[in-house]
Amino acid sequence: MTKPGSVDVSAEVLKLRRVRPDFVVFHGYVLSPINEFMVQMRQMGLDTQFMGTFWSSDKLIIDKMGADADGYMGVMPYNYYDSEESGPMLDALRTQAEKSDPEAGYRPTGYMQGWFNAMVWTEVVKRTLDAGKELTGDNMAESLASIEDWDTGGIIGIPVTVRNMSFPVGRIWRVNAEEGRYEPVSDWIHLD
């Protein structure tokens, strides 16, 4: 653990050097201090596989680190904006993004999550109203819980089902620094 906003991770890196971990999984960071950990640990000759959870797997890592990000792995519940995947909703997202701001280029994880969240709540409201029910918290929770084998049109690469009020699905991706993007290294994984 590091202090929020900390970029001096030298004490933590020394602790890791002593144990020489095979894997380091970052959780809760968007960028900094992931890059500082990776660069310092590699400078010390550690052959550690660096990985990240959802927010720690944004493309900002590649943009900031370039070749030093090569091989970094992360789990993501969505397809990346620049992935080779397609589907009617993913294609619509890209078309709308280009129309709204053609100069922006790549759209980050937060963009994908925002689009998906809007899709989910549109579906929840539709299901609630189609059932002739009022838009109350309980009725909407019931509608959310009823989502099963839902096709997200490519935002997520497989149909998804709500379990315990979440979509327990993801895919493991690895940075290809030469290409400047994440590439899938697993099939889609269901957590039931």
Protein backbone atom coordinates (compact mmCIF):
# COMPACT_ATOMS: atom_id res chain seq x y z
CA MET A 1 0.00 0.00 0.00
CA THR A 2 1.12 3.52 -0.71
CA LYS A 3 -0.15 6.90 0.36
CA PRO A 4 -2.64 8.46 -2.09
CA GLY A 5 -0.83 10.44 -4.77
CA SER A 6 2.56 9.08 -3.67
CA VAL A 7 5.22 8.89 -6.35
CA ASP A 8 8.09 7.97 -4.03
CA VAL A 9 7.70 4.24 -3.84
CA SER A 10 11.34 3.44 -3.15
CA ALA A 11 10.67 2.01 0.34
CA GLU A 12 7.95 -0.30 -1.04
CA VAL A 13 10.17 -1.32 -3.95
CA LEU A 14 12.95 -2.30 -1.53
CA LYS A 15 10.47 -4.45 0.41
CA LEU A 16 9.45 -6.14 -2.83
CA ARG A 17 13.08 -6.60 -3.84
CA ARG A 18 13.67 -8.62 -0.67
CA VAL A 19 10.82 -11.05 -1.43
CA ARG A 20 11.39 -11.12 -5.21
CA PRO A 21 7.73 -11.69 -6.13
CA ASP A 22 6.75 -13.58 -9.25
CA PHE A 23 3.63 -11.41 -9.55
CA VAL A 24 2.58 -7.93 -8.42
CA VAL A 25 -1.10 -7.05 -8.80
CA PHE A 26 -2.03 -3.38 -8.68
CA HIS A 27 -5.45 -2.50 -7.34
CA GLY A 28 -6.95 0.93 -6.90
CA TYR A 29 -4.44 2.88 -8.98
CA VAL A 30 -5.25 4.47 -12.31
CA LEU A 31 -1.66 5.22 -13.33
CA SER A 32 0.71 6.53 -10.73
CA PRO A 33 2.55 4.86 -9.01
CA ILE A 34 2.28 1.77 -11.24
CA ASN A 35 4.87 3.13 -13.64
CA GLU A 36 7.26 4.00 -10.79
CA PHE A 37 7.01 0.47 -9.35
CA MET A 38 7.57 -1.18 -12.70
CA VAL A 39 10.53 0.94 -13.76
CA GLN A 40 12.32 0.75 -10.41
CA MET A 41 11.77 -2.99 -10.01
CA ARG A 42 13.01 -3.69 -13.53
CA GLN A 43 16.06 -1.47 -12.89
CA MET A 44 16.81 -3.74 -9.92
CA GLY A 45 16.71 -6.76 -12.22
CA LEU A 46 13.49 -8.25 -10.88
CA ASP A 47 11.66 -10.49 -13.33
CA THR A 48 8.18 -9.80 -11.99
CA GLN A 49 4.92 -10.11 -13.93
CA PHE A 50 2.97 -6.91 -13.33
CA MET A 51 -0.81 -7.08 -13.43
CA GLY A 52 -3.73 -4.84 -12.61
CA THR A 53 -7.38 -4.92 -11.80
CA PHE A 54 -9.99 -2.91 -13.70
CA TRP A 55 -8.90 0.72 -13.11
CA SER A 56 -5.25 -0.29 -13.06
CA SER A 57 -5.54 -1.58 -16.63
CA ASP A 58 -6.30 1.60 -18.52
CA LYS A 59 -4.40 2.51 -21.68
CA LEU A 60 -2.85 5.45 -19.83
CA ILE A 61 -0.19 2.98 -18.69
CA ILE A 62 0.88 2.39 -22.28
CA ASP A 63 0.72 6.10 -23.13
CA LYS A 64 2.88 7.00 -20.12
CA MET A 65 5.34 4.09 -20.20
CA GLY A 66 5.66 3.12 -23.85
CA ALA A 67 7.95 0.11 -24.28
CA ASP A 68 8.32 -0.28 -20.49
CA ALA A 69 4.64 -1.33 -20.32
CA ASP A 70 5.18 -4.34 -22.58
CA GLY A 71 3.75 -7.52 -21.08
CA TYR A 72 1.72 -5.78 -18.37
CA MET A 73 -1.51 -7.72 -17.86
CA GLY A 74 -4.89 -6.69 -16.59
CA VAL A 75 -8.46 -7.80 -16.25
CA MET A 76 -11.21 -5.83 -17.96
CA PRO A 77 -14.95 -6.44 -18.11
CA TYR A 78 -15.28 -4.55 -21.42
CA ASN A 79 -13.62 -4.59 -24.79
CA TYR A 80 -11.11 -1.79 -25.17
CA TYR A 81 -12.06 1.08 -27.45
CA ASP A 82 -9.27 0.19 -29.88
CA SER A 83 -9.66 -3.60 -29.68
CA GLU A 84 -10.23 -5.61 -32.83
CA GLU A 85 -13.59 -6.70 -31.43
CA SER A 86 -16.83 -5.42 -32.92
CA GLY A 87 -20.56 -5.60 -32.45
CA PRO A 88 -23.52 -3.32 -33.14
CA MET A 89 -23.33 -1.42 -29.84
CA LEU A 90 -19.53 -1.24 -29.77
CA ASP A 91 -19.58 0.05 -33.34
CA ALA A 92 -22.29 2.60 -32.39
CA LEU A 93 -20.17 3.72 -29.41
CA ARG A 94 -17.17 4.29 -31.68
CA THR A 95 -19.27 6.09 -34.30
CA GLN A 96 -20.83 8.39 -31.68
CA ALA A 97 -17.46 9.05 -30.05
CA GLU A 98 -15.95 10.09 -33.38
CA LYS A 99 -18.98 12.23 -34.20
CA SER A 100 -18.98 13.95 -30.79
CA ASP A 101 -15.26 14.69 -30.68
CA PRO A 102 -13.32 13.60 -33.76
CA GLU A 103 -10.03 14.93 -32.35
CA ALA A 104 -10.14 12.91 -29.10
CA GLY A 105 -8.97 9.60 -30.55
CA TYR A 106 -8.86 6.76 -28.06
CA ARG A 107 -11.58 6.62 -25.38
CA PRO A 108 -10.50 5.41 -21.93
CA THR A 109 -11.97 2.82 -19.59
CA GLY A 110 -14.27 5.38 -17.96
CA TYR A 111 -15.88 6.10 -21.33
CA MET A 112 -16.58 2.41 -21.91
CA GLN A 113 -17.94 2.03 -18.38
CA GLY A 114 -20.16 5.10 -18.73
CA TRP A 115 -21.64 3.82 -21.97
CA PHE A 116 -22.23 0.37 -20.47
CA ASN A 117 -23.83 1.85 -17.34
CA ALA A 118 -26.21 3.90 -19.51
CA MET A 119 -27.12 0.72 -21.41
CA VAL A 120 -27.79 -1.16 -18.17
CA TRP A 121 -30.03 1.52 -16.68
CA THR A 122 -31.88 1.96 -19.97
CA GLU A 123 -32.56 -1.78 -19.92
CA VAL A 124 -33.62 -1.67 -16.27
CA VAL A 125 -36.05 1.21 -16.83
CA LYS A 126 -37.44 -0.50 -19.97
CA ARG A 127 -37.99 -3.80 -18.15
CA THR A 128 -39.63 -2.07 -15.20
CA LEU A 129 -42.01 -0.04 -17.38
CA ASP A 130 -42.75 -3.02 -19.67
CA ALA A 131 -43.80 -4.95 -16.54
CA GLY A 132 -46.26 -2.13 -15.75
CA LYS A 133 -44.43 -1.21 -12.56
CA GLU A 134 -43.46 2.13 -11.07
CA LEU A 135 -39.84 3.23 -11.19
CA THR A 136 -39.07 2.53 -7.54
CA GLY A 137 -35.81 1.25 -6.13
CA ASP A 138 -37.28 -2.17 -5.35
CA ASN A 139 -38.88 -2.58 -8.78
CA MET A 140 -35.74 -1.47 -10.59
CA ALA A 141 -33.60 -3.82 -8.46
CA GLU A 142 -35.94 -6.64 -9.46
CA SER A 143 -35.56 -5.70 -13.13
CA LEU A 144 -31.77 -5.56 -12.80
CA ALA A 145 -31.72 -8.98 -11.17
CA SER A 146 -33.76 -10.37 -14.08
CA ILE A 147 -31.06 -9.67 -16.68
CA GLU A 148 -29.92 -13.01 -18.06
CA ASP A 149 -27.84 -13.83 -21.14
CA TRP A 150 -28.04 -10.19 -22.22
CA ASP A 151 -26.22 -9.32 -25.43
CA THR A 152 -24.36 -6.02 -24.98
CA GLY A 153 -23.63 -5.71 -28.68
CA GLY A 154 -19.88 -6.11 -28.31
CA ILE A 155 -19.25 -3.86 -25.31
CA ILE A 156 -18.68 -7.11 -23.45
CA GLY A 157 -17.77 -9.95 -25.80
CA ILE A 158 -20.29 -12.48 -24.48
CA PRO A 159 -23.89 -12.37 -23.21
CA VAL A 160 -23.97 -11.42 -19.53
CA THR A 161 -26.14 -12.36 -16.57
CA VAL A 162 -26.58 -10.40 -13.34
CA ARG A 163 -25.38 -12.26 -10.25
CA ASN A 164 -25.60 -10.59 -6.85
CA MET A 165 -26.36 -7.26 -8.52
CA SER A 166 -23.21 -7.32 -10.67
CA PHE A 167 -22.00 -8.61 -14.01
CA PRO A 168 -19.28 -11.09 -12.96
CA VAL A 169 -17.40 -11.36 -16.23
CA GLY A 170 -14.00 -10.30 -17.47
CA ARG A 171 -11.16 -11.02 -19.79
CA ILE A 172 -7.42 -10.93 -19.32
CA TRP A 173 -5.53 -8.57 -21.60
CA ARG A 174 -1.78 -8.01 -22.11
CA VAL A 175 0.02 -4.91 -23.33
CA ASN A 176 1.63 -5.14 -26.73
CA ALA A 177 3.79 -2.03 -26.45
CA GLU A 178 4.90 -2.19 -30.08
CA GLU A 179 1.26 -1.93 -31.18
CA GLY A 180 0.44 0.48 -28.34
CA ARG A 181 -2.59 -1.42 -27.09
CA TYR A 182 -3.95 -4.24 -24.98
CA GLU A 183 -4.58 -7.59 -26.66
CA PRO A 184 -6.75 -10.40 -25.26
CA VAL A 185 -4.87 -13.37 -23.83
CA SER A 186 -7.86 -15.27 -22.45
CA ASP A 187 -11.38 -16.11 -23.39
CA TRP A 188 -14.16 -14.31 -21.54
CA ILE A 189 -14.37 -15.56 -17.98
CA HIS A 190 -17.64 -16.00 -16.03
CA LEU A 191 -17.45 -15.83 -12.26
CA ASP A 192 -20.49 -17.65 -10.96
